[in-house]
Amino acid sequence: NKTAISEQLASAKRNFEVGTATITDTREAQAKYDLATAQELAADNDLRVKRVTLDQIVGRVGVEPKPLAVPVALPALPSTNVDTWVAQADEQHPGVRKARLGLEVAQLETQKAKAAEGVTVDLTGSLGAQNLHNNLSGAAAIQSGVGTTKNASLGVTVN
């Protein structure tokens, strides 16, 4: 109790002033008081953290938990076998389910990477046409390269 420790500290200080106690007694009382203060602050901070956590869980701010009604009537456990509980937790716990899904995704990504290492086939193609015109006709037009040129290419690459 912090009040009792505070009174002990005041008594130790008075006794030191009167000369019936040593400085060590006073400092020990001060240390006990400081420890009680630190424990009180730690408990207060822990309570605040737990209240914030409760607010986050229920989705509202300033929620005050209500005590259980007396007498408490809890339902009977469906099974008293610990192995059944472990199996149920293994199947239904969100953390375990998340880890299993992560493993499945990793396995699929591994299969995808292995498939990319295999044979690949690439197909490429192009088509082009060029029209050349000038005012020449007949043999002069043929010699000067007048006309239409068409070309096409198709390529297959296998890796």
N, C-alpha and C. Protein backbone atom coordinates (compact mmCIF):
# COMPACT_ATOMS: atom_id res chain seq x y z
N ASN A 1 0.84 -1.17 0.00
CA ASN A 1 0.00 0.00 0.00
C ASN A 1 0.89 1.24 0.00
N LYS A 2 0.66 2.11 -0.96
CA LYS A 2 1.50 3.29 -1.12
C LYS A 2 1.33 4.26 0.05
N THR A 3 0.15 4.34 0.60
CA THR A 3 -0.09 5.25 1.74
C THR A 3 0.73 4.82 2.95
N ALA A 4 0.75 3.54 3.24
CA ALA A 4 1.53 3.03 4.38
C ALA A 4 3.02 3.26 4.15
N ILE A 5 3.48 3.04 2.93
CA ILE A 5 4.90 3.26 2.63
C ILE A 5 5.25 4.73 2.74
N SER A 6 4.32 5.60 2.33
CA SER A 6 4.54 7.05 2.44
C SER A 6 4.66 7.46 3.91
N GLU A 7 3.83 6.86 4.76
CA GLU A 7 3.91 7.15 6.20
C GLU A 7 5.23 6.65 6.79
N GLN A 8 5.69 5.48 6.34
CA GLN A 8 6.98 4.96 6.81
C GLN A 8 8.12 5.88 6.39
N LEU A 9 8.03 6.43 5.18
CA LEU A 9 9.06 7.36 4.70
C LEU A 9 9.06 8.62 5.55
N ALA A 10 7.89 9.17 5.83
CA ALA A 10 7.81 10.38 6.66
C ALA A 10 8.35 10.10 8.06
N SER A 11 8.03 8.93 8.62
CA SER A 11 8.53 8.57 9.94
C SER A 11 10.04 8.44 9.93
N ALA A 12 10.60 7.82 8.88
CA ALA A 12 12.05 7.65 8.79
C ALA A 12 12.74 9.01 8.69
N LYS A 13 12.14 9.95 7.95
CA LYS A 13 12.73 11.29 7.84
C LYS A 13 12.69 12.01 9.19
N ARG A 14 11.56 11.90 9.91
CA ARG A 14 11.47 12.55 11.22
C ARG A 14 12.49 11.94 12.19
N ASN A 15 12.59 10.62 12.20
CA ASN A 15 13.55 9.95 13.09
C ASN A 15 14.99 10.34 12.75
N PHE A 16 15.28 10.54 11.47
CA PHE A 16 16.63 10.96 11.09
C PHE A 16 16.91 12.38 11.59
N GLU A 17 15.89 13.26 11.45
CA GLU A 17 16.06 14.64 11.91
C GLU A 17 16.27 14.69 13.43
N VAL A 18 15.58 13.84 14.15
CA VAL A 18 15.70 13.80 15.60
C VAL A 18 17.00 13.12 16.02
N GLY A 19 17.50 12.24 15.16
CA GLY A 19 18.74 11.55 15.47
C GLY A 19 18.56 10.13 15.94
N THR A 20 17.34 9.59 15.81
CA THR A 20 17.11 8.21 16.26
C THR A 20 17.18 7.20 15.11
N ALA A 21 17.45 7.67 13.88
CA ALA A 21 17.57 6.76 12.73
C ALA A 21 18.75 7.22 11.88
N THR A 22 19.26 6.31 11.07
CA THR A 22 20.41 6.63 10.21
C THR A 22 19.91 7.07 8.84
N ILE A 23 20.83 7.64 8.08
CA ILE A 23 20.50 8.05 6.71
C ILE A 23 20.14 6.83 5.86
N THR A 24 20.74 5.68 6.19
CA THR A 24 20.44 4.44 5.45
C THR A 24 18.98 4.07 5.61
N ASP A 25 18.44 4.21 6.84
CA ASP A 25 17.03 3.91 7.06
C ASP A 25 16.14 4.82 6.22
N THR A 26 16.50 6.09 6.16
CA THR A 26 15.73 7.06 5.39
C THR A 26 15.79 6.73 3.90
N ARG A 27 16.97 6.38 3.42
CA ARG A 27 17.12 6.07 1.98
C ARG A 27 16.41 4.76 1.61
N GLU A 28 16.42 3.79 2.52
CA GLU A 28 15.68 2.55 2.26
C GLU A 28 14.19 2.83 2.17
N ALA A 29 13.68 3.67 3.06
CA ALA A 29 12.26 4.03 3.02
C ALA A 29 11.94 4.78 1.73
N GLN A 30 12.86 5.66 1.31
CA GLN A 30 12.66 6.40 0.06
C GLN A 30 12.66 5.44 -1.13
N ALA A 31 13.55 4.45 -1.12
CA ALA A 31 13.62 3.46 -2.21
C ALA A 31 12.33 2.65 -2.28
N LYS A 32 11.79 2.26 -1.11
CA LYS A 32 10.53 1.52 -1.10
C LYS A 32 9.39 2.37 -1.66
N TYR A 33 9.38 3.65 -1.29
CA TYR A 33 8.35 4.56 -1.79
C TYR A 33 8.47 4.73 -3.31
N ASP A 34 9.70 4.90 -3.79
CA ASP A 34 9.92 5.06 -5.23
C ASP A 34 9.51 3.79 -5.99
N LEU A 35 9.80 2.63 -5.41
CA LEU A 35 9.40 1.37 -6.04
C LEU A 35 7.88 1.26 -6.12
N ALA A 36 7.21 1.62 -5.03
CA ALA A 36 5.74 1.57 -5.02
C ALA A 36 5.16 2.52 -6.06
N THR A 37 5.76 3.71 -6.20
CA THR A 37 5.31 4.68 -7.20
C THR A 37 5.52 4.13 -8.61
N ALA A 38 6.68 3.52 -8.86
CA ALA A 38 6.96 2.95 -10.18
C ALA A 38 6.00 1.81 -10.50
N GLN A 39 5.70 0.96 -9.51
CA GLN A 39 4.77 -0.14 -9.73
C GLN A 39 3.37 0.38 -10.02
N GLU A 40 2.99 1.44 -9.32
CA GLU A 40 1.68 2.04 -9.55
C GLU A 40 1.58 2.61 -10.97
N LEU A 41 2.63 3.29 -11.42
CA LEU A 41 2.64 3.84 -12.78
C LEU A 41 2.62 2.72 -13.82
N ALA A 42 3.38 1.66 -13.58
CA ALA A 42 3.40 0.53 -14.52
C ALA A 42 2.03 -0.12 -14.61
N ALA A 43 1.35 -0.28 -13.47
CA ALA A 43 0.02 -0.88 -13.47
C ALA A 43 -0.98 0.02 -14.19
N ASP A 44 -0.87 1.33 -13.98
CA ASP A 44 -1.75 2.28 -14.65
C ASP A 44 -1.52 2.24 -16.17
N ASN A 45 -0.27 2.21 -16.59
CA ASN A 45 0.04 2.14 -18.02
C ASN A 45 -0.46 0.83 -18.62
N ASP A 46 -0.30 -0.27 -17.90
CA ASP A 46 -0.78 -1.57 -18.37
C ASP A 46 -2.29 -1.55 -18.54
N LEU A 47 -3.00 -0.93 -17.59
CA LEU A 47 -4.45 -0.82 -17.68
C LEU A 47 -4.85 0.01 -18.91
N ARG A 48 -4.15 1.10 -19.15
CA ARG A 48 -4.45 1.94 -20.32
C ARG A 48 -4.25 1.17 -21.63
N VAL A 49 -3.16 0.42 -21.71
CA VAL A 49 -2.89 -0.37 -22.92
C VAL A 49 -3.99 -1.41 -23.12
N LYS A 50 -4.41 -2.05 -22.05
CA LYS A 50 -5.45 -3.07 -22.16
C LYS A 50 -6.80 -2.45 -22.54
N ARG A 51 -7.08 -1.25 -22.07
CA ARG A 51 -8.33 -0.57 -22.46
C ARG A 51 -8.31 -0.20 -23.95
N VAL A 52 -7.17 0.27 -24.43
CA VAL A 52 -7.05 0.60 -25.85
C VAL A 52 -7.21 -0.67 -26.69
N THR A 53 -6.63 -1.77 -26.23
CA THR A 53 -6.77 -3.04 -26.94
C THR A 53 -8.23 -3.48 -26.98
N LEU A 54 -8.93 -3.34 -25.85
CA LEU A 54 -10.35 -3.69 -25.81
C LEU A 54 -11.14 -2.81 -26.77
N ASP A 55 -10.85 -1.52 -26.80
CA ASP A 55 -11.52 -0.60 -27.73
C ASP A 55 -11.31 -1.04 -29.17
N GLN A 56 -10.10 -1.46 -29.50
CA GLN A 56 -9.80 -1.90 -30.86
C GLN A 56 -10.53 -3.20 -31.19
N ILE A 57 -10.63 -4.10 -30.23
CA ILE A 57 -11.29 -5.38 -30.48
C ILE A 57 -12.78 -5.19 -30.75
N VAL A 58 -13.44 -4.36 -29.92
CA VAL A 58 -14.89 -4.18 -30.07
C VAL A 58 -15.25 -3.08 -31.06
N GLY A 59 -14.28 -2.26 -31.45
CA GLY A 59 -14.53 -1.24 -32.45
C GLY A 59 -15.19 0.02 -31.92
N ARG A 60 -15.18 0.22 -30.62
CA ARG A 60 -15.74 1.43 -30.00
C ARG A 60 -14.77 1.94 -28.95
N VAL A 61 -14.85 3.24 -28.67
CA VAL A 61 -13.95 3.86 -27.70
C VAL A 61 -14.67 3.98 -26.35
N GLY A 62 -13.93 3.76 -25.27
CA GLY A 62 -14.47 3.95 -23.93
C GLY A 62 -15.38 2.84 -23.46
N VAL A 63 -15.17 1.65 -23.94
CA VAL A 63 -16.00 0.51 -23.54
C VAL A 63 -15.63 0.08 -22.13
N GLU A 64 -16.63 -0.13 -21.30
CA GLU A 64 -16.41 -0.62 -19.94
C GLU A 64 -16.89 -2.06 -19.86
N PRO A 65 -16.01 -2.99 -19.58
CA PRO A 65 -16.45 -4.39 -19.48
C PRO A 65 -17.37 -4.58 -18.28
N LYS A 66 -18.37 -5.41 -18.45
CA LYS A 66 -19.31 -5.68 -17.36
C LYS A 66 -18.91 -6.98 -16.67
N PRO A 67 -19.08 -7.03 -15.36
CA PRO A 67 -18.73 -8.27 -14.65
C PRO A 67 -19.72 -9.38 -14.97
N LEU A 68 -19.28 -10.61 -14.76
CA LEU A 68 -20.17 -11.75 -14.96
C LEU A 68 -21.27 -11.75 -13.91
N ALA A 69 -22.45 -12.18 -14.32
CA ALA A 69 -23.56 -12.28 -13.37
C ALA A 69 -23.30 -13.47 -12.44
N VAL A 70 -23.66 -13.29 -11.18
CA VAL A 70 -23.45 -14.35 -10.20
C VAL A 70 -24.78 -15.05 -9.99
N PRO A 71 -24.91 -16.31 -9.99
CA PRO A 71 -23.86 -17.31 -10.23
C PRO A 71 -23.61 -17.46 -11.73
N VAL A 72 -22.39 -17.78 -12.07
CA VAL A 72 -22.00 -17.95 -13.46
C VAL A 72 -22.38 -19.35 -13.91
N ALA A 73 -23.11 -19.43 -15.01
CA ALA A 73 -23.51 -20.73 -15.56
C ALA A 73 -22.82 -20.91 -16.91
N LEU A 74 -21.68 -21.54 -16.88
CA LEU A 74 -20.93 -21.77 -18.11
C LEU A 74 -21.36 -23.09 -18.74
N PRO A 75 -21.41 -23.15 -20.07
CA PRO A 75 -21.80 -24.42 -20.71
C PRO A 75 -20.72 -25.47 -20.50
N ALA A 76 -21.14 -26.71 -20.53
CA ALA A 76 -20.19 -27.82 -20.38
C ALA A 76 -19.29 -27.89 -21.61
N LEU A 77 -18.07 -28.29 -21.40
CA LEU A 77 -17.13 -28.43 -22.51
C LEU A 77 -17.53 -29.61 -23.38
N PRO A 78 -17.47 -29.45 -24.72
CA PRO A 78 -17.87 -30.55 -25.59
C PRO A 78 -16.95 -31.76 -25.46
N SER A 79 -15.71 -31.53 -25.10
CA SER A 79 -14.77 -32.64 -24.96
C SER A 79 -13.77 -32.30 -23.87
N THR A 80 -13.40 -33.29 -23.11
CA THR A 80 -12.38 -33.08 -22.08
C THR A 80 -11.02 -33.57 -22.55
N ASN A 81 -10.95 -34.02 -23.79
CA ASN A 81 -9.71 -34.53 -24.35
C ASN A 81 -8.89 -33.36 -24.90
N VAL A 82 -7.70 -33.20 -24.41
CA VAL A 82 -6.83 -32.10 -24.84
C VAL A 82 -6.46 -32.24 -26.31
N ASP A 83 -6.29 -33.45 -26.79
CA ASP A 83 -5.94 -33.67 -28.20
C ASP A 83 -7.02 -33.13 -29.13
N THR A 84 -8.28 -33.24 -28.73
CA THR A 84 -9.38 -32.70 -29.52
C THR A 84 -9.28 -31.18 -29.60
N TRP A 85 -8.95 -30.55 -28.49
CA TRP A 85 -8.80 -29.10 -28.47
C TRP A 85 -7.64 -28.66 -29.36
N VAL A 86 -6.55 -29.39 -29.28
CA VAL A 86 -5.37 -29.05 -30.10
C VAL A 86 -5.71 -29.20 -31.58
N ALA A 87 -6.41 -30.28 -31.93
CA ALA A 87 -6.79 -30.50 -33.34
C ALA A 87 -7.73 -29.39 -33.82
N GLN A 88 -8.67 -29.00 -32.96
CA GLN A 88 -9.60 -27.93 -33.33
C GLN A 88 -8.87 -26.61 -33.50
N ALA A 89 -7.96 -26.31 -32.62
CA ALA A 89 -7.17 -25.08 -32.74
C ALA A 89 -6.31 -25.12 -34.00
N ASP A 90 -5.77 -26.29 -34.31
CA ASP A 90 -4.93 -26.45 -35.50
C ASP A 90 -5.74 -26.20 -36.77
N GLU A 91 -7.02 -26.58 -36.76
CA GLU A 91 -7.88 -26.41 -37.93
C GLU A 91 -8.47 -25.00 -38.03
N GLN A 92 -8.79 -24.39 -36.90
CA GLN A 92 -9.59 -23.17 -36.92
C GLN A 92 -8.87 -21.90 -36.52
N HIS A 93 -7.70 -21.98 -35.93
CA HIS A 93 -7.03 -20.77 -35.46
C HIS A 93 -6.63 -19.90 -36.65
N PRO A 94 -6.97 -18.61 -36.63
CA PRO A 94 -6.66 -17.74 -37.76
C PRO A 94 -5.16 -17.67 -38.08
N GLY A 95 -4.33 -17.68 -37.07
CA GLY A 95 -2.89 -17.62 -37.32
C GLY A 95 -2.38 -18.86 -38.04
N VAL A 96 -2.91 -20.02 -37.65
CA VAL A 96 -2.50 -21.27 -38.30
C VAL A 96 -3.04 -21.30 -39.73
N ARG A 97 -4.28 -20.88 -39.91
CA ARG A 97 -4.85 -20.85 -41.26
C ARG A 97 -4.08 -19.90 -42.16
N LYS A 98 -3.69 -18.76 -41.63
CA LYS A 98 -2.92 -17.79 -42.40
C LYS A 98 -1.57 -18.38 -42.80
N ALA A 99 -0.93 -19.07 -41.88
CA ALA A 99 0.37 -19.69 -42.18
C ALA A 99 0.21 -20.77 -43.25
N ARG A 100 -0.86 -21.55 -43.18
CA ARG A 100 -1.09 -22.59 -44.20
C ARG A 100 -1.30 -21.96 -45.57
N LEU A 101 -2.09 -20.89 -45.63
CA LEU A 101 -2.32 -20.22 -46.91
C LEU A 101 -1.02 -19.62 -47.44
N GLY A 102 -0.20 -19.08 -46.55
CA GLY A 102 1.10 -18.55 -46.97
C GLY A 102 1.98 -19.64 -47.54
N LEU A 103 1.95 -20.82 -46.94
CA LEU A 103 2.72 -21.95 -47.45
C LEU A 103 2.21 -22.36 -48.82
N GLU A 104 0.89 -22.40 -48.98
CA GLU A 104 0.31 -22.78 -50.27
C GLU A 104 0.70 -21.77 -51.36
N VAL A 105 0.66 -20.49 -51.04
CA VAL A 105 1.07 -19.46 -52.00
C VAL A 105 2.53 -19.64 -52.38
N ALA A 106 3.37 -19.90 -51.39
CA ALA A 106 4.80 -20.10 -51.66
C ALA A 106 5.03 -21.31 -52.55
N GLN A 107 4.27 -22.39 -52.33
CA GLN A 107 4.41 -23.57 -53.17
C GLN A 107 3.98 -23.28 -54.61
N LEU A 108 2.89 -22.52 -54.77
CA LEU A 108 2.44 -22.16 -56.12
C LEU A 108 3.45 -21.24 -56.81
N GLU A 109 4.03 -20.32 -56.05
CA GLU A 109 5.06 -19.44 -56.63
C GLU A 109 6.28 -20.24 -57.05
N THR A 110 6.63 -21.27 -56.28
CA THR A 110 7.75 -22.14 -56.64
C THR A 110 7.44 -22.89 -57.93
N GLN A 111 6.23 -23.41 -58.05
CA GLN A 111 5.84 -24.10 -59.28
C GLN A 111 5.88 -23.15 -60.47
N LYS A 112 5.44 -21.93 -60.25
CA LYS A 112 5.44 -20.93 -61.32
C LYS A 112 6.87 -20.63 -61.77
N ALA A 113 7.78 -20.49 -60.81
CA ALA A 113 9.18 -20.22 -61.14
C ALA A 113 9.81 -21.39 -61.88
N LYS A 114 9.49 -22.63 -61.46
CA LYS A 114 10.02 -23.80 -62.14
C LYS A 114 9.48 -23.90 -63.56
N ALA A 115 8.21 -23.55 -63.75
CA ALA A 115 7.63 -23.58 -65.09
C ALA A 115 8.29 -22.55 -66.00
N ALA A 116 8.68 -21.43 -65.47
CA ALA A 116 9.34 -20.39 -66.26
C ALA A 116 10.73 -20.82 -66.69
N GLU A 117 11.34 -21.76 -65.96
CA GLU A 117 12.67 -22.25 -66.32
C GLU A 117 12.62 -23.22 -67.49
N GLY A 118 11.47 -23.76 -67.82
CA GLY A 118 11.34 -24.78 -68.86
C GLY A 118 11.45 -24.19 -70.26
N VAL A 119 10.97 -24.94 -71.24
CA VAL A 119 11.03 -24.55 -72.64
C VAL A 119 10.02 -23.44 -72.89
N THR A 120 10.47 -22.42 -73.64
CA THR A 120 9.58 -21.35 -74.05
C THR A 120 9.64 -21.22 -75.56
N VAL A 121 8.53 -20.85 -76.17
CA VAL A 121 8.46 -20.66 -77.62
C VAL A 121 7.98 -19.24 -77.86
N ASP A 122 8.74 -18.50 -78.67
CA ASP A 122 8.37 -17.14 -79.04
C ASP A 122 8.12 -17.09 -80.54
N LEU A 123 7.05 -16.44 -80.95
CA LEU A 123 6.71 -16.29 -82.36
C LEU A 123 6.75 -14.81 -82.69
N THR A 124 7.49 -14.47 -83.73
CA THR A 124 7.56 -13.07 -84.17
C THR A 124 7.24 -13.02 -85.65
N GLY A 125 6.69 -11.92 -86.09
CA GLY A 125 6.38 -11.78 -87.51
C GLY A 125 6.31 -10.32 -87.90
N SER A 126 6.50 -10.06 -89.21
CA SER A 126 6.38 -8.70 -89.73
C SER A 126 5.92 -8.77 -91.18
N LEU A 127 5.26 -7.73 -91.62
CA LEU A 127 4.76 -7.63 -92.99
C LEU A 127 4.98 -6.20 -93.44
N GLY A 128 5.48 -6.03 -94.67
CA GLY A 128 5.74 -4.69 -95.16
C GLY A 128 5.43 -4.57 -96.64
N ALA A 129 5.13 -3.37 -97.08
CA ALA A 129 4.86 -3.09 -98.50
C ALA A 129 5.40 -1.71 -98.82
N GLN A 130 5.91 -1.54 -100.05
CA GLN A 130 6.47 -0.26 -100.46
C GLN A 130 6.05 0.00 -101.91
N ASN A 131 5.51 1.15 -102.16
CA ASN A 131 5.10 1.56 -103.51
C ASN A 131 6.06 2.63 -104.00
N LEU A 132 6.64 2.42 -105.19
CA LEU A 132 7.55 3.39 -105.79
C LEU A 132 6.89 3.93 -107.06
N HIS A 133 6.77 5.24 -107.16
CA HIS A 133 6.12 5.87 -108.32
C HIS A 133 7.02 6.95 -108.89
N ASN A 134 6.99 7.08 -110.20
CA ASN A 134 7.59 8.23 -110.87
C ASN A 134 6.84 8.44 -112.18
N ASN A 135 7.24 9.36 -112.96
CA ASN A 135 6.52 9.72 -114.18
C ASN A 135 7.00 8.93 -115.39
N LEU A 136 7.87 8.00 -115.22
CA LEU A 136 8.38 7.21 -116.33
C LEU A 136 7.40 6.10 -116.66
N SER A 137 7.48 5.58 -117.86
CA SER A 137 6.60 4.48 -118.24
C SER A 137 7.39 3.46 -119.04
N GLY A 138 6.86 2.26 -119.12
CA GLY A 138 7.46 1.22 -119.94
C GLY A 138 8.76 0.71 -119.38
N ALA A 139 9.79 0.53 -120.31
CA ALA A 139 11.08 -0.03 -119.94
C ALA A 139 11.82 0.88 -118.98
N ALA A 140 11.68 2.20 -119.12
CA ALA A 140 12.36 3.15 -118.24
C ALA A 140 11.83 3.01 -116.81
N ALA A 141 10.54 2.75 -116.65
CA ALA A 141 9.96 2.60 -115.33
C ALA A 141 10.48 1.34 -114.66
N ILE A 142 10.64 0.25 -115.44
CA ILE A 142 11.14 -0.99 -114.87
C ILE A 142 12.58 -0.83 -114.42
N GLN A 143 13.39 -0.12 -115.25
CA GLN A 143 14.80 0.07 -114.91
C GLN A 143 14.97 0.99 -113.70
N SER A 144 14.09 1.94 -113.51
CA SER A 144 14.23 2.87 -112.39
C SER A 144 13.64 2.30 -111.09
N GLY A 145 13.03 1.15 -111.11
CA GLY A 145 12.52 0.52 -109.90
C GLY A 145 11.13 0.93 -109.53
N VAL A 146 10.32 1.36 -110.50
CA VAL A 146 8.95 1.75 -110.22
C VAL A 146 8.12 0.49 -110.00
N GLY A 147 7.22 0.53 -109.02
CA GLY A 147 6.35 -0.60 -108.78
C GLY A 147 6.09 -0.79 -107.29
N THR A 148 5.62 -1.94 -106.92
CA THR A 148 5.29 -2.25 -105.54
C THR A 148 6.19 -3.37 -105.05
N THR A 149 6.75 -3.17 -103.86
CA THR A 149 7.58 -4.19 -103.22
C THR A 149 6.87 -4.64 -101.95
N LYS A 150 6.76 -5.96 -101.77
CA LYS A 150 6.13 -6.50 -100.57
C LYS A 150 7.10 -7.49 -99.95
N ASN A 151 7.16 -7.48 -98.63
CA ASN A 151 7.98 -8.48 -97.95
C ASN A 151 7.29 -8.91 -96.66
N ALA A 152 7.55 -10.13 -96.28
CA ALA A 152 6.98 -10.68 -95.06
C ALA A 152 8.03 -11.57 -94.42
N SER A 153 8.02 -11.61 -93.06
CA SER A 153 8.93 -12.51 -92.37
C SER A 153 8.22 -13.09 -91.15
N LEU A 154 8.58 -14.30 -90.84
CA LEU A 154 8.00 -15.00 -89.71
C LEU A 154 9.13 -15.71 -88.99
N GLY A 155 9.18 -15.58 -87.66
CA GLY A 155 10.27 -16.21 -86.91
C GLY A 155 9.74 -16.96 -85.69
N VAL A 156 10.35 -18.09 -85.41
CA VAL A 156 10.02 -18.88 -84.23
C VAL A 156 11.30 -19.08 -83.44
N THR A 157 11.27 -18.74 -82.14
CA THR A 157 12.43 -18.93 -81.27
C THR A 157 12.04 -19.91 -80.17
N VAL A 158 12.84 -20.96 -80.02
CA VAL A 158 12.59 -21.96 -78.98
C VAL A 158 13.74 -21.89 -77.98
N ASN A 159 13.43 -21.71 -76.71
CA ASN A 159 14.45 -21.69 -75.66
C ASN A 159 14.29 -22.91 -74.79
